């Protein structure tokens, strides 16, 4: 199965409200947020042996990369919004 099938309802909803590009980006952000939650939960059960108050190093890397991807997607969504507003003026 593809993401288009698995996330069909969310894609239809967001694409209708925001357009195809921004809708798909919004669903991507939701999926990344869900992944962050799962990694965060895993981090509770797999603390770093060096510093028990922090997640293991591999989880820290995953969290950093997912947060970076979310930031990039958010910036693209904002740019698309600004371009759309500029076209309507």
N, C-alpha and C. Protein backbone atom coordinates (compact mmCIF):
# COMPACT_ATOMS: atom_id res chain seq x y z
N UNK A 1 0.84 -1.19 0.00
CA UNK A 1 0.00 0.00 0.00
C UNK A 1 0.88 1.25 0.00
N UNK A 2 0.36 2.27 -0.60
CA UNK A 2 1.11 3.53 -0.65
C UNK A 2 0.56 4.51 0.38
N UNK A 3 1.31 5.55 0.59
CA UNK A 3 0.88 6.59 1.51
C UNK A 3 -0.42 7.23 1.02
N UNK A 4 -0.61 7.28 -0.29
CA UNK A 4 -1.83 7.87 -0.84
C UNK A 4 -3.06 7.05 -0.47
N UNK A 5 -2.87 5.75 -0.32
CA UNK A 5 -3.98 4.89 0.10
C UNK A 5 -4.13 4.93 1.62
N UNK A 6 -3.01 4.81 2.33
CA UNK A 6 -3.05 4.79 3.79
C UNK A 6 -3.59 6.09 4.39
N UNK A 7 -3.26 7.20 3.79
CA UNK A 7 -3.64 8.52 4.32
C UNK A 7 -4.73 9.18 3.48
N UNK A 8 -5.53 8.38 2.77
CA UNK A 8 -6.50 8.92 1.81
C UNK A 8 -7.44 9.95 2.43
N UNK A 9 -8.01 9.65 3.57
CA UNK A 9 -8.98 10.57 4.19
C UNK A 9 -8.31 11.89 4.58
N UNK A 10 -7.15 11.81 5.19
CA UNK A 10 -6.44 13.02 5.59
C UNK A 10 -6.02 13.83 4.37
N UNK A 11 -5.55 13.15 3.34
CA UNK A 11 -5.15 13.86 2.13
C UNK A 11 -6.34 14.56 1.48
N UNK A 12 -7.46 13.87 1.36
CA UNK A 12 -8.65 14.48 0.77
C UNK A 12 -9.07 15.72 1.55
N UNK A 13 -9.08 15.60 2.86
CA UNK A 13 -9.48 16.72 3.72
C UNK A 13 -8.56 17.91 3.55
N UNK A 14 -7.26 17.68 3.69
CA UNK A 14 -6.30 18.79 3.63
C UNK A 14 -6.15 19.36 2.21
N UNK A 15 -6.19 18.49 1.20
CA UNK A 15 -6.10 19.00 -0.17
C UNK A 15 -7.31 19.84 -0.52
N UNK A 16 -8.48 19.48 -0.02
CA UNK A 16 -9.68 20.27 -0.27
C UNK A 16 -9.56 21.64 0.39
N UNK A 17 -9.05 21.68 1.61
CA UNK A 17 -8.95 22.93 2.36
C UNK A 17 -7.79 23.82 1.90
N UNK A 18 -6.67 23.21 1.50
CA UNK A 18 -5.45 23.98 1.26
C UNK A 18 -4.92 23.88 -0.16
N UNK A 19 -5.49 23.04 -0.98
CA UNK A 19 -4.95 22.79 -2.30
C UNK A 19 -4.03 21.58 -2.25
N UNK A 20 -3.73 21.01 -3.43
CA UNK A 20 -2.96 19.76 -3.46
C UNK A 20 -1.57 19.85 -2.81
N UNK A 21 -0.80 20.85 -3.15
CA UNK A 21 0.58 20.93 -2.65
C UNK A 21 0.61 21.16 -1.14
N UNK A 22 -0.09 22.19 -0.69
CA UNK A 22 -0.08 22.50 0.74
C UNK A 22 -0.79 21.42 1.56
N UNK A 23 -1.81 20.79 0.99
CA UNK A 23 -2.50 19.72 1.68
C UNK A 23 -1.60 18.52 1.91
N UNK A 24 -0.83 18.15 0.89
CA UNK A 24 0.10 17.03 1.04
C UNK A 24 1.20 17.37 2.03
N UNK A 25 1.65 18.60 2.01
CA UNK A 25 2.67 19.01 2.98
C UNK A 25 2.11 18.97 4.40
N UNK A 26 0.86 19.37 4.55
CA UNK A 26 0.23 19.34 5.88
C UNK A 26 0.12 17.91 6.40
N UNK A 27 -0.26 16.99 5.53
CA UNK A 27 -0.34 15.58 5.94
C UNK A 27 1.06 15.06 6.27
N UNK A 28 2.05 15.49 5.52
CA UNK A 28 3.44 15.10 5.81
C UNK A 28 3.85 15.58 7.20
N UNK A 29 3.49 16.82 7.53
CA UNK A 29 3.79 17.34 8.87
C UNK A 29 3.09 16.51 9.95
N UNK A 30 1.86 16.14 9.72
CA UNK A 30 1.13 15.31 10.68
C UNK A 30 1.82 13.96 10.87
N UNK A 31 2.27 13.36 9.77
CA UNK A 31 2.94 12.07 9.85
C UNK A 31 4.27 12.19 10.60
N UNK A 32 5.00 13.28 10.34
CA UNK A 32 6.26 13.49 11.05
C UNK A 32 6.02 13.73 12.54
N UNK A 33 4.95 14.44 12.86
CA UNK A 33 4.61 14.67 14.26
C UNK A 33 4.29 13.35 14.95
N UNK A 34 3.54 12.49 14.27
CA UNK A 34 3.25 11.17 14.83
C UNK A 34 4.54 10.39 15.07
N UNK A 35 5.48 10.47 14.12
CA UNK A 35 6.76 9.78 14.28
C UNK A 35 7.53 10.34 15.47
N UNK A 36 7.48 11.66 15.66
CA UNK A 36 8.15 12.26 16.81
C UNK A 36 7.58 11.74 18.13
N UNK A 37 6.28 11.60 18.18
CA UNK A 37 5.64 11.09 19.39
C UNK A 37 6.12 9.67 19.67
N UNK A 38 6.17 8.84 18.64
CA UNK A 38 6.60 7.46 18.83
C UNK A 38 8.06 7.38 19.25
N UNK A 39 8.91 8.18 18.63
CA UNK A 39 10.32 8.20 19.01
C UNK A 39 10.48 8.72 20.44
N UNK A 40 9.69 9.72 20.79
CA UNK A 40 9.73 10.25 22.15
C UNK A 40 9.34 9.20 23.17
N UNK A 41 8.30 8.44 22.87
CA UNK A 41 7.89 7.37 23.78
C UNK A 41 8.98 6.31 23.89
N UNK A 42 9.60 5.99 22.77
CA UNK A 42 10.68 5.01 22.78
C UNK A 42 11.86 5.53 23.61
N UNK A 43 12.12 6.83 23.53
CA UNK A 43 13.21 7.43 24.28
C UNK A 43 13.04 7.30 25.79
N UNK A 44 11.79 7.25 26.23
CA UNK A 44 11.53 7.08 27.66
C UNK A 44 12.03 5.70 28.12
N UNK A 45 11.86 4.72 27.25
CA UNK A 45 12.23 3.36 27.61
C UNK A 45 13.67 3.00 27.23
N UNK A 46 14.32 3.84 26.44
CA UNK A 46 15.70 3.57 26.02
C UNK A 46 16.57 4.79 26.32
N UNK A 47 16.77 5.12 27.58
CA UNK A 47 17.59 6.29 27.90
C UNK A 47 19.05 6.05 27.57
N UNK A 48 19.78 7.12 27.44
CA UNK A 48 21.22 7.04 27.19
C UNK A 48 21.91 6.46 28.42
N UNK A 49 22.87 5.58 28.18
CA UNK A 49 23.60 5.02 29.32
C UNK A 49 24.56 6.05 29.91
N UNK A 50 24.94 7.04 29.10
CA UNK A 50 25.83 8.10 29.59
C UNK A 50 25.09 9.14 30.39
N UNK A 51 23.90 9.48 29.92
CA UNK A 51 23.09 10.51 30.58
C UNK A 51 21.64 10.03 30.59
N UNK A 52 21.20 9.41 31.66
CA UNK A 52 19.85 8.83 31.71
C UNK A 52 18.71 9.84 31.51
N UNK A 53 18.98 11.11 31.65
CA UNK A 53 17.92 12.10 31.46
C UNK A 53 17.71 12.43 29.98
N UNK A 54 18.55 11.90 29.10
CA UNK A 54 18.45 12.15 27.66
C UNK A 54 18.21 10.83 26.93
N UNK A 55 17.57 10.89 25.76
CA UNK A 55 17.40 9.66 24.98
C UNK A 55 18.75 9.18 24.43
N UNK A 56 18.78 7.94 23.99
CA UNK A 56 19.99 7.39 23.39
C UNK A 56 20.41 8.24 22.19
N UNK A 57 21.68 8.19 21.84
CA UNK A 57 22.21 9.04 20.77
C UNK A 57 21.51 8.81 19.44
N UNK A 58 21.18 7.56 19.12
CA UNK A 58 20.49 7.33 17.85
C UNK A 58 19.12 7.98 17.84
N UNK A 59 18.43 7.97 18.98
CA UNK A 59 17.13 8.63 19.06
C UNK A 59 17.27 10.14 18.98
N UNK A 60 18.32 10.69 19.55
CA UNK A 60 18.56 12.13 19.45
C UNK A 60 18.75 12.53 17.99
N UNK A 61 19.46 11.70 17.23
CA UNK A 61 19.68 11.98 15.81
C UNK A 61 18.36 11.92 15.04
N UNK A 62 17.56 10.90 15.33
CA UNK A 62 16.26 10.77 14.66
C UNK A 62 15.38 11.97 14.98
N UNK A 63 15.32 12.36 16.24
CA UNK A 63 14.51 13.52 16.63
C UNK A 63 14.98 14.78 15.92
N UNK A 64 16.27 14.96 15.84
CA UNK A 64 16.83 16.14 15.17
C UNK A 64 16.47 16.16 13.69
N UNK A 65 16.58 15.02 13.02
CA UNK A 65 16.28 14.95 11.60
C UNK A 65 14.80 15.17 11.32
N UNK A 66 13.95 14.59 12.14
CA UNK A 66 12.50 14.77 11.94
C UNK A 66 12.12 16.22 12.19
N UNK A 67 12.66 16.82 13.23
CA UNK A 67 12.38 18.24 13.49
C UNK A 67 12.88 19.11 12.35
N UNK A 68 14.03 18.79 11.79
CA UNK A 68 14.55 19.53 10.64
C UNK A 68 13.64 19.41 9.43
N UNK A 69 13.15 18.20 9.18
CA UNK A 69 12.23 17.99 8.06
C UNK A 69 10.93 18.77 8.25
N UNK A 70 10.43 18.78 9.48
CA UNK A 70 9.21 19.56 9.76
C UNK A 70 9.44 21.04 9.52
N UNK A 71 10.60 21.53 9.91
CA UNK A 71 10.92 22.94 9.71
C UNK A 71 10.98 23.29 8.23
N UNK A 72 11.60 22.42 7.43
CA UNK A 72 11.67 22.65 5.98
C UNK A 72 10.28 22.64 5.36
N UNK A 73 9.46 21.68 5.73
CA UNK A 73 8.11 21.59 5.18
C UNK A 73 7.30 22.82 5.57
N UNK A 74 7.43 23.25 6.80
CA UNK A 74 6.71 24.45 7.26
C UNK A 74 7.14 25.67 6.45
N UNK A 75 8.42 25.78 6.15
CA UNK A 75 8.90 26.93 5.39
C UNK A 75 8.36 26.91 3.97
N UNK A 76 8.24 25.72 3.38
CA UNK A 76 7.67 25.61 2.03
C UNK A 76 6.19 25.98 2.05
N UNK A 77 5.47 25.52 3.07
CA UNK A 77 4.05 25.87 3.18
C UNK A 77 3.86 27.38 3.31
N UNK A 78 4.72 28.00 4.10
CA UNK A 78 4.64 29.46 4.28
C UNK A 78 4.95 30.18 2.97
N UNK A 79 5.96 29.70 2.25
CA UNK A 79 6.31 30.32 0.97
C UNK A 79 5.16 30.18 -0.03
N UNK A 80 4.54 29.01 -0.09
CA UNK A 80 3.40 28.82 -0.98
C UNK A 80 2.24 29.74 -0.60
N UNK A 81 2.02 29.91 0.69
CA UNK A 81 0.95 30.80 1.15
C UNK A 81 1.22 32.24 0.73
N UNK A 82 2.47 32.68 0.89
CA UNK A 82 2.84 34.05 0.52
C UNK A 82 2.71 34.26 -0.99
N UNK A 83 3.10 33.25 -1.77
CA UNK A 83 2.98 33.37 -3.23
C UNK A 83 1.52 33.44 -3.64
N UNK A 84 0.67 32.67 -3.00
CA UNK A 84 -0.75 32.70 -3.30
C UNK A 84 -1.36 34.05 -2.95
N UNK A 85 -0.96 34.61 -1.80
CA UNK A 85 -1.46 35.93 -1.40
C UNK A 85 -0.98 37.00 -2.37
N UNK A 86 0.26 36.88 -2.84
CA UNK A 86 0.79 37.88 -3.79
C UNK A 86 0.05 37.82 -5.11
N UNK A 87 -0.39 36.64 -5.53
CA UNK A 87 -1.11 36.49 -6.78
C UNK A 87 -2.53 37.08 -6.68
N UNK A 88 -3.10 37.06 -5.50
CA UNK A 88 -4.46 37.56 -5.36
C UNK A 88 -4.51 39.08 -5.19
N UNK A 89 -3.37 39.71 -5.00
CA UNK A 89 -3.36 41.17 -4.84
C UNK A 89 -3.35 41.87 -6.16
